[in-house]
Amino acid sequence: MDSEITARHFEGIEFVDTRIDHNETDFDSIPRAMAAAYGTPAGADLPLDPQLGELVRLLMAVNSRCAYCTILHAQEARRLDIPPVKVDVISAWRESSHFTAAETAAFAYAEALSGQRRGDIQPAHDDLRRHFDNAAIEALTMVIINMDVWTRLFLARGHTPRSTV
């Protein structure tokens, strides 16, 4: 069941699927296509700042409690030279002054959309318009949806980290 997303290797860590360890129906084919279009590898091609896209992916990973996604996106954030303090405090972004107004608008929208808090989606979307054009909002929306799909897929699979050291 390896794809470019699931075949990543991390030093000292291996991942084992504890629930679904097969792919008889090719159920991850659509998520793989979404990842190619809106995941980390596509970041530079999106009409969205690659660092912002990666911060949103990391926030989604942390909020979803997906170990694989959190490790992957924290490493990608560092690779993109995102300041370490932003990576370290992403889960407490509301209490941090390290993020720009555009970043916090993106985070609020990600949390509202991902949590399906209907009353919060419109105000969060309105705030996005102060910082982003339509193309960037569309890309951000798909980054969020892509992360929702992958975190749930990994959680369904029981994609669990184990130390190899």
N, C-alpha and C. Protein backbone atom coordinates (compact mmCIF):
# COMPACT_ATOMS: atom_id res chain seq x y z
N MET A 1 0.82 -1.19 0.00
CA MET A 1 0.00 0.00 0.00
C MET A 1 0.86 1.25 0.00
N ASP A 2 2.09 1.14 -0.44
CA ASP A 2 2.98 2.29 -0.46
C ASP A 2 2.67 3.20 -1.64
N SER A 3 2.69 4.48 -1.38
CA SER A 3 2.65 5.50 -2.42
C SER A 3 3.72 6.51 -2.04
N GLU A 4 3.88 7.52 -2.85
CA GLU A 4 4.86 8.54 -2.52
C GLU A 4 4.58 9.19 -1.17
N ILE A 5 3.33 9.20 -0.75
CA ILE A 5 2.96 9.77 0.54
C ILE A 5 3.29 8.80 1.66
N THR A 6 2.92 7.55 1.52
CA THR A 6 3.06 6.60 2.62
C THR A 6 4.44 5.95 2.67
N ALA A 7 5.25 6.15 1.67
CA ALA A 7 6.55 5.47 1.62
C ALA A 7 7.67 6.33 2.20
N ARG A 8 7.37 7.46 2.79
CA ARG A 8 8.40 8.30 3.39
C ARG A 8 9.07 7.57 4.54
N HIS A 9 10.34 7.81 4.71
CA HIS A 9 11.09 7.19 5.80
C HIS A 9 11.61 8.28 6.72
N PHE A 10 11.56 8.02 8.01
CA PHE A 10 12.01 8.96 9.02
C PHE A 10 13.06 8.27 9.87
N GLU A 11 14.12 8.99 10.18
CA GLU A 11 15.22 8.41 10.95
C GLU A 11 14.73 7.93 12.31
N GLY A 12 14.95 6.66 12.59
CA GLY A 12 14.63 6.09 13.89
C GLY A 12 13.17 5.73 14.09
N ILE A 13 12.35 5.86 13.03
CA ILE A 13 10.92 5.60 13.15
C ILE A 13 10.45 4.78 11.96
N GLU A 14 9.62 3.78 12.27
CA GLU A 14 8.91 3.08 11.20
C GLU A 14 7.43 3.15 11.52
N PHE A 15 6.62 3.05 10.49
CA PHE A 15 5.18 3.08 10.68
C PHE A 15 4.59 1.74 10.29
N VAL A 16 3.67 1.27 11.11
CA VAL A 16 3.01 0.00 10.89
C VAL A 16 1.51 0.26 10.86
N ASP A 17 0.84 -0.30 9.87
CA ASP A 17 -0.62 -0.19 9.80
C ASP A 17 -1.22 -1.26 10.70
N THR A 18 -1.89 -0.83 11.76
CA THR A 18 -2.43 -1.77 12.75
C THR A 18 -3.88 -2.15 12.50
N ARG A 19 -4.55 -1.48 11.56
CA ARG A 19 -5.94 -1.83 11.27
C ARG A 19 -6.10 -2.27 9.81
N ILE A 20 -5.94 -1.37 8.90
CA ILE A 20 -6.08 -1.71 7.48
C ILE A 20 -4.67 -1.75 6.89
N ASP A 21 -4.21 -2.95 6.57
CA ASP A 21 -2.85 -3.09 6.04
C ASP A 21 -2.86 -3.65 4.62
N HIS A 22 -3.95 -3.42 3.92
CA HIS A 22 -4.11 -3.94 2.56
C HIS A 22 -4.77 -2.84 1.73
N ASN A 23 -4.83 -3.04 0.44
CA ASN A 23 -5.45 -2.08 -0.44
C ASN A 23 -6.06 -2.83 -1.63
N GLU A 24 -6.98 -3.70 -1.35
CA GLU A 24 -7.57 -4.56 -2.37
C GLU A 24 -8.43 -3.78 -3.37
N THR A 25 -8.96 -2.64 -2.97
CA THR A 25 -9.86 -1.88 -3.84
C THR A 25 -9.23 -0.60 -4.38
N ASP A 26 -7.92 -0.40 -4.13
CA ASP A 26 -7.22 0.82 -4.56
C ASP A 26 -7.92 2.06 -3.99
N PHE A 27 -8.38 1.94 -2.74
CA PHE A 27 -9.15 3.02 -2.12
C PHE A 27 -8.39 4.31 -1.93
N ASP A 28 -7.07 4.27 -2.01
CA ASP A 28 -6.31 5.51 -1.82
C ASP A 28 -5.92 6.17 -3.14
N SER A 29 -6.48 5.74 -4.25
CA SER A 29 -6.11 6.32 -5.54
C SER A 29 -6.55 7.79 -5.65
N ILE A 30 -7.73 8.11 -5.20
CA ILE A 30 -8.19 9.51 -5.25
C ILE A 30 -7.39 10.37 -4.28
N PRO A 31 -7.18 9.94 -3.02
CA PRO A 31 -6.32 10.74 -2.15
C PRO A 31 -4.90 10.95 -2.72
N ARG A 32 -4.34 9.93 -3.37
CA ARG A 32 -3.01 10.10 -3.97
C ARG A 32 -3.03 11.18 -5.05
N ALA A 33 -4.08 11.22 -5.84
CA ALA A 33 -4.20 12.25 -6.87
C ALA A 33 -4.35 13.63 -6.23
N MET A 34 -5.12 13.71 -5.15
CA MET A 34 -5.26 14.98 -4.44
C MET A 34 -3.93 15.43 -3.87
N ALA A 35 -3.17 14.48 -3.30
CA ALA A 35 -1.87 14.83 -2.73
C ALA A 35 -0.92 15.35 -3.80
N ALA A 36 -0.97 14.76 -4.98
CA ALA A 36 -0.11 15.23 -6.07
C ALA A 36 -0.46 16.67 -6.47
N ALA A 37 -1.74 17.01 -6.37
CA ALA A 37 -2.17 18.34 -6.78
C ALA A 37 -2.08 19.39 -5.67
N TYR A 38 -2.28 18.97 -4.40
CA TYR A 38 -2.39 19.94 -3.31
C TYR A 38 -1.52 19.63 -2.10
N GLY A 39 -0.78 18.55 -2.14
CA GLY A 39 0.08 18.18 -1.01
C GLY A 39 1.41 18.92 -1.05
N THR A 40 2.27 18.57 -0.13
CA THR A 40 3.58 19.22 -0.01
C THR A 40 4.36 19.26 -1.32
N PRO A 41 4.41 18.16 -2.10
CA PRO A 41 5.20 18.23 -3.34
C PRO A 41 4.69 19.27 -4.33
N ALA A 42 3.41 19.61 -4.27
CA ALA A 42 2.83 20.58 -5.19
C ALA A 42 2.96 22.01 -4.68
N GLY A 43 3.46 22.18 -3.47
CA GLY A 43 3.47 23.48 -2.81
C GLY A 43 3.99 24.63 -3.65
N ALA A 44 5.08 24.44 -4.34
CA ALA A 44 5.68 25.52 -5.13
C ALA A 44 4.83 25.88 -6.35
N ASP A 45 3.96 24.97 -6.78
CA ASP A 45 3.15 25.21 -7.97
C ASP A 45 1.78 25.81 -7.65
N LEU A 46 1.43 25.91 -6.41
CA LEU A 46 0.13 26.44 -6.02
C LEU A 46 0.16 27.96 -5.95
N PRO A 47 -0.99 28.61 -6.15
CA PRO A 47 -1.06 30.07 -6.01
C PRO A 47 -1.18 30.49 -4.54
N LEU A 48 -0.33 29.90 -3.72
CA LEU A 48 -0.35 30.09 -2.28
C LEU A 48 1.10 30.01 -1.82
N ASP A 49 1.49 30.86 -0.90
CA ASP A 49 2.85 30.82 -0.39
C ASP A 49 3.17 29.42 0.13
N PRO A 50 4.26 28.79 -0.35
CA PRO A 50 4.57 27.42 0.08
C PRO A 50 4.74 27.28 1.60
N GLN A 51 5.32 28.28 2.24
CA GLN A 51 5.47 28.20 3.70
C GLN A 51 4.11 28.23 4.39
N LEU A 52 3.23 29.09 3.93
CA LEU A 52 1.89 29.13 4.52
C LEU A 52 1.16 27.80 4.31
N GLY A 53 1.24 27.27 3.10
CA GLY A 53 0.61 25.98 2.84
C GLY A 53 1.12 24.90 3.77
N GLU A 54 2.43 24.90 4.02
CA GLU A 54 3.01 23.88 4.90
C GLU A 54 2.61 24.10 6.35
N LEU A 55 2.53 25.35 6.78
CA LEU A 55 2.07 25.62 8.15
C LEU A 55 0.63 25.14 8.33
N VAL A 56 -0.22 25.35 7.34
CA VAL A 56 -1.60 24.87 7.42
C VAL A 56 -1.62 23.35 7.48
N ARG A 57 -0.80 22.70 6.65
CA ARG A 57 -0.74 21.23 6.69
C ARG A 57 -0.31 20.75 8.08
N LEU A 58 0.69 21.41 8.65
CA LEU A 58 1.18 21.02 9.98
C LEU A 58 0.09 21.23 11.04
N LEU A 59 -0.60 22.35 10.99
CA LEU A 59 -1.68 22.59 11.95
C LEU A 59 -2.75 21.51 11.82
N MET A 60 -3.13 21.18 10.61
CA MET A 60 -4.14 20.14 10.39
C MET A 60 -3.65 18.80 10.93
N ALA A 61 -2.39 18.49 10.73
CA ALA A 61 -1.83 17.23 11.22
C ALA A 61 -1.88 17.17 12.75
N VAL A 62 -1.45 18.26 13.38
CA VAL A 62 -1.45 18.30 14.84
C VAL A 62 -2.87 18.21 15.38
N ASN A 63 -3.78 18.99 14.80
CA ASN A 63 -5.16 18.98 15.28
C ASN A 63 -5.83 17.62 15.08
N SER A 64 -5.44 16.91 14.06
CA SER A 64 -6.02 15.58 13.78
C SER A 64 -5.35 14.47 14.59
N ARG A 65 -4.27 14.80 15.25
CA ARG A 65 -3.51 13.84 16.06
C ARG A 65 -2.99 12.68 15.21
N CYS A 66 -2.57 13.00 14.00
CA CYS A 66 -1.99 12.00 13.11
C CYS A 66 -0.47 12.06 13.25
N ALA A 67 0.11 11.03 13.83
CA ALA A 67 1.54 11.02 14.11
C ALA A 67 2.37 11.12 12.82
N TYR A 68 2.02 10.32 11.84
CA TYR A 68 2.76 10.34 10.57
C TYR A 68 2.71 11.73 9.94
N CYS A 69 1.53 12.30 9.86
CA CYS A 69 1.37 13.61 9.22
C CYS A 69 2.10 14.70 10.00
N THR A 70 2.07 14.61 11.32
CA THR A 70 2.76 15.61 12.14
C THR A 70 4.26 15.53 11.92
N ILE A 71 4.83 14.34 11.93
CA ILE A 71 6.27 14.18 11.69
C ILE A 71 6.62 14.69 10.30
N LEU A 72 5.88 14.24 9.29
CA LEU A 72 6.14 14.63 7.91
C LEU A 72 6.10 16.14 7.73
N HIS A 73 5.05 16.78 8.21
CA HIS A 73 4.88 18.21 7.95
C HIS A 73 5.75 19.08 8.84
N ALA A 74 6.13 18.61 10.01
CA ALA A 74 7.12 19.34 10.81
C ALA A 74 8.48 19.32 10.10
N GLN A 75 8.85 18.16 9.56
CA GLN A 75 10.11 18.08 8.81
C GLN A 75 10.07 18.92 7.56
N GLU A 76 8.96 18.90 6.85
CA GLU A 76 8.83 19.71 5.63
C GLU A 76 8.89 21.20 5.97
N ALA A 77 8.27 21.60 7.07
CA ALA A 77 8.31 23.00 7.49
C ALA A 77 9.75 23.44 7.75
N ARG A 78 10.51 22.59 8.40
CA ARG A 78 11.93 22.92 8.65
C ARG A 78 12.71 22.99 7.34
N ARG A 79 12.40 22.07 6.43
CA ARG A 79 13.08 22.06 5.14
C ARG A 79 12.81 23.34 4.35
N LEU A 80 11.62 23.89 4.52
CA LEU A 80 11.24 25.14 3.85
C LEU A 80 11.73 26.38 4.60
N ASP A 81 12.55 26.16 5.64
CA ASP A 81 13.11 27.26 6.43
C ASP A 81 12.06 28.10 7.14
N ILE A 82 10.97 27.47 7.52
CA ILE A 82 9.99 28.15 8.38
C ILE A 82 10.64 28.30 9.74
N PRO A 83 10.57 29.47 10.35
CA PRO A 83 11.20 29.67 11.66
C PRO A 83 10.79 28.58 12.66
N PRO A 84 11.77 27.99 13.33
CA PRO A 84 11.47 26.90 14.28
C PRO A 84 10.39 27.25 15.31
N VAL A 85 10.34 28.49 15.75
CA VAL A 85 9.34 28.85 16.76
C VAL A 85 7.93 28.67 16.20
N LYS A 86 7.73 28.90 14.91
CA LYS A 86 6.40 28.71 14.33
C LYS A 86 6.03 27.23 14.31
N VAL A 87 7.00 26.38 14.01
CA VAL A 87 6.76 24.94 14.02
C VAL A 87 6.45 24.49 15.45
N ASP A 88 7.20 25.02 16.40
CA ASP A 88 7.07 24.60 17.80
C ASP A 88 5.75 25.01 18.43
N VAL A 89 5.21 26.17 18.04
CA VAL A 89 4.00 26.68 18.73
C VAL A 89 2.75 26.63 17.86
N ILE A 90 2.80 25.89 16.76
CA ILE A 90 1.64 25.85 15.85
C ILE A 90 0.36 25.44 16.57
N SER A 91 0.44 24.54 17.53
CA SER A 91 -0.78 24.09 18.21
C SER A 91 -1.36 25.18 19.12
N ALA A 92 -0.57 26.19 19.43
CA ALA A 92 -1.03 27.30 20.29
C ALA A 92 -1.00 28.61 19.50
N TRP A 93 -1.32 28.55 18.22
CA TRP A 93 -1.22 29.73 17.37
C TRP A 93 -2.07 30.89 17.84
N ARG A 94 -3.19 30.62 18.47
CA ARG A 94 -4.06 31.70 18.94
C ARG A 94 -3.41 32.49 20.09
N GLU A 95 -2.50 31.85 20.81
CA GLU A 95 -1.84 32.50 21.94
C GLU A 95 -0.44 32.97 21.59
N SER A 96 -0.10 32.99 20.32
CA SER A 96 1.25 33.35 19.90
C SER A 96 1.24 34.61 19.04
N SER A 97 2.28 35.40 19.19
CA SER A 97 2.42 36.60 18.34
C SER A 97 3.40 36.35 17.20
N HIS A 98 3.76 35.11 16.97
CA HIS A 98 4.75 34.77 15.94
C HIS A 98 4.17 34.65 14.54
N PHE A 99 2.86 34.67 14.42
CA PHE A 99 2.22 34.45 13.13
C PHE A 99 1.65 35.76 12.58
N THR A 100 1.67 35.89 11.26
CA THR A 100 1.13 37.07 10.60
C THR A 100 -0.40 37.03 10.61
N ALA A 101 -1.00 38.16 10.28
CA ALA A 101 -2.46 38.21 10.20
C ALA A 101 -2.96 37.27 9.10
N ALA A 102 -2.24 37.17 8.00
CA ALA A 102 -2.64 36.25 6.92
C ALA A 102 -2.56 34.81 7.40
N GLU A 103 -1.51 34.46 8.12
CA GLU A 103 -1.38 33.09 8.64
C GLU A 103 -2.51 32.76 9.61
N THR A 104 -2.81 33.67 10.52
CA THR A 104 -3.87 33.38 11.49
C THR A 104 -5.23 33.29 10.81
N ALA A 105 -5.43 34.08 9.77
CA ALA A 105 -6.69 33.97 9.01
C ALA A 105 -6.79 32.59 8.36
N ALA A 106 -5.68 32.13 7.79
CA ALA A 106 -5.66 30.80 7.17
C ALA A 106 -5.89 29.70 8.21
N PHE A 107 -5.29 29.84 9.38
CA PHE A 107 -5.45 28.83 10.44
C PHE A 107 -6.91 28.79 10.92
N ALA A 108 -7.51 29.97 11.12
CA ALA A 108 -8.90 30.02 11.58
C ALA A 108 -9.83 29.37 10.55
N TYR A 109 -9.57 29.64 9.27
CA TYR A 109 -10.38 29.03 8.22
C TYR A 109 -10.18 27.52 8.19
N ALA A 110 -8.94 27.07 8.32
CA ALA A 110 -8.66 25.63 8.33
C ALA A 110 -9.40 24.94 9.46
N GLU A 111 -9.35 25.51 10.64
CA GLU A 111 -10.02 24.90 11.78
C GLU A 111 -11.54 24.93 11.63
N ALA A 112 -12.07 26.03 11.10
CA ALA A 112 -13.52 26.13 10.91
C ALA A 112 -13.99 25.12 9.86
N LEU A 113 -13.29 25.07 8.72
CA LEU A 113 -13.70 24.17 7.65
C LEU A 113 -13.51 22.71 8.03
N SER A 114 -12.38 22.40 8.61
CA SER A 114 -12.09 21.02 8.99
C SER A 114 -13.03 20.54 10.10
N GLY A 115 -13.33 21.42 11.03
CA GLY A 115 -14.22 21.06 12.14
C GLY A 115 -15.69 21.17 11.77
N GLN A 116 -15.95 21.65 10.54
CA GLN A 116 -17.31 21.81 10.04
C GLN A 116 -18.18 22.61 11.00
N ARG A 117 -17.57 23.65 11.55
CA ARG A 117 -18.33 24.55 12.42
C ARG A 117 -18.97 25.62 11.51
N ARG A 118 -20.16 25.32 11.05
CA ARG A 118 -20.81 26.15 10.03
C ARG A 118 -20.87 27.63 10.41
N GLY A 119 -21.11 27.91 11.66
CA GLY A 119 -21.20 29.31 12.09
C GLY A 119 -19.86 30.04 12.02
N ASP A 120 -18.77 29.29 12.00
CA ASP A 120 -17.44 29.90 11.95
C ASP A 120 -16.88 29.99 10.53
N ILE A 121 -17.41 29.21 9.60
CA ILE A 121 -16.82 29.16 8.26
C ILE A 121 -16.95 30.50 7.54
N GLN A 122 -18.14 31.11 7.53
CA GLN A 122 -18.31 32.37 6.78
C GLN A 122 -17.44 33.49 7.33
N PRO A 123 -17.43 33.74 8.65
CA PRO A 123 -16.55 34.81 9.15
C PRO A 123 -15.07 34.53 8.85
N ALA A 124 -14.67 33.26 8.95
CA ALA A 124 -13.28 32.92 8.65
C ALA A 124 -12.98 33.14 7.16
N HIS A 125 -13.92 32.78 6.30
CA HIS A 125 -13.76 33.00 4.86
C HIS A 125 -13.70 34.50 4.56
N ASP A 126 -14.54 35.28 5.20
CA ASP A 126 -14.52 36.73 5.00
C ASP A 126 -13.16 37.31 5.38
N ASP A 127 -12.57 36.81 6.46
CA ASP A 127 -11.25 37.28 6.88
C ASP A 127 -10.18 36.90 5.85
N LEU A 128 -10.31 35.72 5.25
CA LEU A 128 -9.36 35.32 4.21
C LEU A 128 -9.31 36.34 3.08
N ARG A 129 -10.47 36.86 2.70
CA ARG A 129 -10.54 37.80 1.58
C ARG A 129 -9.72 39.06 1.81
N ARG A 130 -9.44 39.39 3.06
CA ARG A 130 -8.61 40.55 3.37
C ARG A 130 -7.13 40.29 3.04
N HIS A 131 -6.77 39.02 2.88
CA HIS A 131 -5.37 38.65 2.72
C HIS A 131 -5.05 37.90 1.44
N PHE A 132 -6.05 37.26 0.82
CA PHE A 132 -5.78 36.37 -0.30
C PHE A 132 -6.74 36.62 -1.46
N ASP A 133 -6.27 36.34 -2.67
CA ASP A 133 -7.15 36.41 -3.83
C ASP A 133 -7.90 35.08 -3.97
N ASN A 134 -8.81 35.03 -4.95
CA ASN A 134 -9.64 33.84 -5.12
C ASN A 134 -8.83 32.58 -5.36
N ALA A 135 -7.79 32.67 -6.19
CA ALA A 135 -6.98 31.49 -6.50
C ALA A 135 -6.30 30.95 -5.24
N ALA A 136 -5.78 31.83 -4.41
CA ALA A 136 -5.12 31.39 -3.18
C ALA A 136 -6.13 30.77 -2.21
N ILE A 137 -7.34 31.34 -2.15
CA ILE A 137 -8.38 30.78 -1.28
C ILE A 137 -8.79 29.39 -1.76
N GLU A 138 -8.92 29.22 -3.07
CA GLU A 138 -9.25 27.90 -3.61
C GLU A 138 -8.15 26.90 -3.28
N ALA A 139 -6.90 27.29 -3.47
CA ALA A 139 -5.78 26.38 -3.19
C ALA A 139 -5.75 26.04 -1.70
N LEU A 140 -5.93 27.04 -0.85
CA LEU A 140 -5.94 26.80 0.60
C LEU A 140 -7.07 25.84 0.97
N THR A 141 -8.23 26.03 0.40
CA THR A 141 -9.37 25.14 0.66
C THR A 141 -9.02 23.70 0.31
N MET A 142 -8.38 23.51 -0.84
CA MET A 142 -8.02 22.15 -1.25
C MET A 142 -6.88 21.57 -0.41
N VAL A 143 -5.97 22.40 0.06
CA VAL A 143 -4.93 21.93 0.98
C VAL A 143 -5.60 21.38 2.24
N ILE A 144 -6.58 22.10 2.75
CA ILE A 144 -7.29 21.69 3.97
C ILE A 144 -8.05 20.38 3.72
N ILE A 145 -8.78 20.31 2.63
CA ILE A 145 -9.55 19.10 2.32
C ILE A 145 -8.61 17.91 2.11
N ASN A 146 -7.50 18.14 1.41
CA ASN A 146 -6.51 17.07 1.20
C ASN A 146 -5.99 16.55 2.54
N MET A 147 -5.68 17.45 3.45
CA MET A 147 -5.19 17.03 4.77
C MET A 147 -6.26 16.28 5.54
N ASP A 148 -7.51 16.73 5.46
CA ASP A 148 -8.59 16.01 6.13
C ASP A 148 -8.68 14.58 5.62
N VAL A 149 -8.59 14.41 4.32
CA VAL A 149 -8.67 13.07 3.73
C VAL A 149 -7.50 12.21 4.23
N TRP A 150 -6.27 12.73 4.13
CA TRP A 150 -5.10 11.91 4.49
C TRP A 150 -5.03 11.61 5.98
N THR A 151 -5.34 12.58 6.83
CA THR A 151 -5.27 12.27 8.26
C THR A 151 -6.30 11.21 8.62
N ARG A 152 -7.47 11.28 8.05
CA ARG A 152 -8.48 10.26 8.35
C ARG A 152 -8.11 8.90 7.76
N LEU A 153 -7.50 8.91 6.59
CA LEU A 153 -7.06 7.66 5.99
C LEU A 153 -5.98 7.00 6.85
N PHE A 154 -5.01 7.79 7.31
CA PHE A 154 -3.96 7.23 8.17
C PHE A 154 -4.53 6.77 9.51
N LEU A 155 -5.47 7.52 10.06
CA LEU A 155 -6.08 7.09 11.32
C LEU A 155 -6.89 5.81 11.12
N ALA A 156 -7.62 5.69 10.02
CA ALA A 156 -8.38 4.47 9.73
C ALA A 156 -7.44 3.28 9.58
N ARG A 157 -6.30 3.50 8.97
CA ARG A 157 -5.34 2.43 8.77
C ARG A 157 -4.62 2.06 10.08
N GLY A 158 -4.67 2.95 11.07
CA GLY A 158 -3.91 2.69 12.28
C GLY A 158 -2.43 2.89 12.04
N HIS A 159 -2.09 3.86 11.24
CA HIS A 159 -0.69 4.14 10.84
C HIS A 159 0.07 4.63 12.08
N THR A 160 0.75 3.68 12.75
CA THR A 160 1.30 3.89 14.08
C THR A 160 2.82 3.91 14.06
N PRO A 161 3.44 4.92 14.70
CA PRO A 161 4.91 4.97 14.73
C PRO A 161 5.50 4.00 15.74
N ARG A 162 6.63 3.44 15.36
CA ARG A 162 7.41 2.59 16.26
C ARG A 162 8.87 2.97 16.12
N SER A 163 9.57 2.99 17.24
CA SER A 163 10.99 3.33 17.23
C SER A 163 11.80 2.18 16.65
N THR A 164 12.80 2.54 15.84
CA THR A 164 13.70 1.52 15.28
C THR A 164 15.08 1.61 15.91
N VAL A 165 15.24 2.44 16.91
CA VAL A 165 16.55 2.57 17.58
C VAL A 165 16.54 1.92 18.93
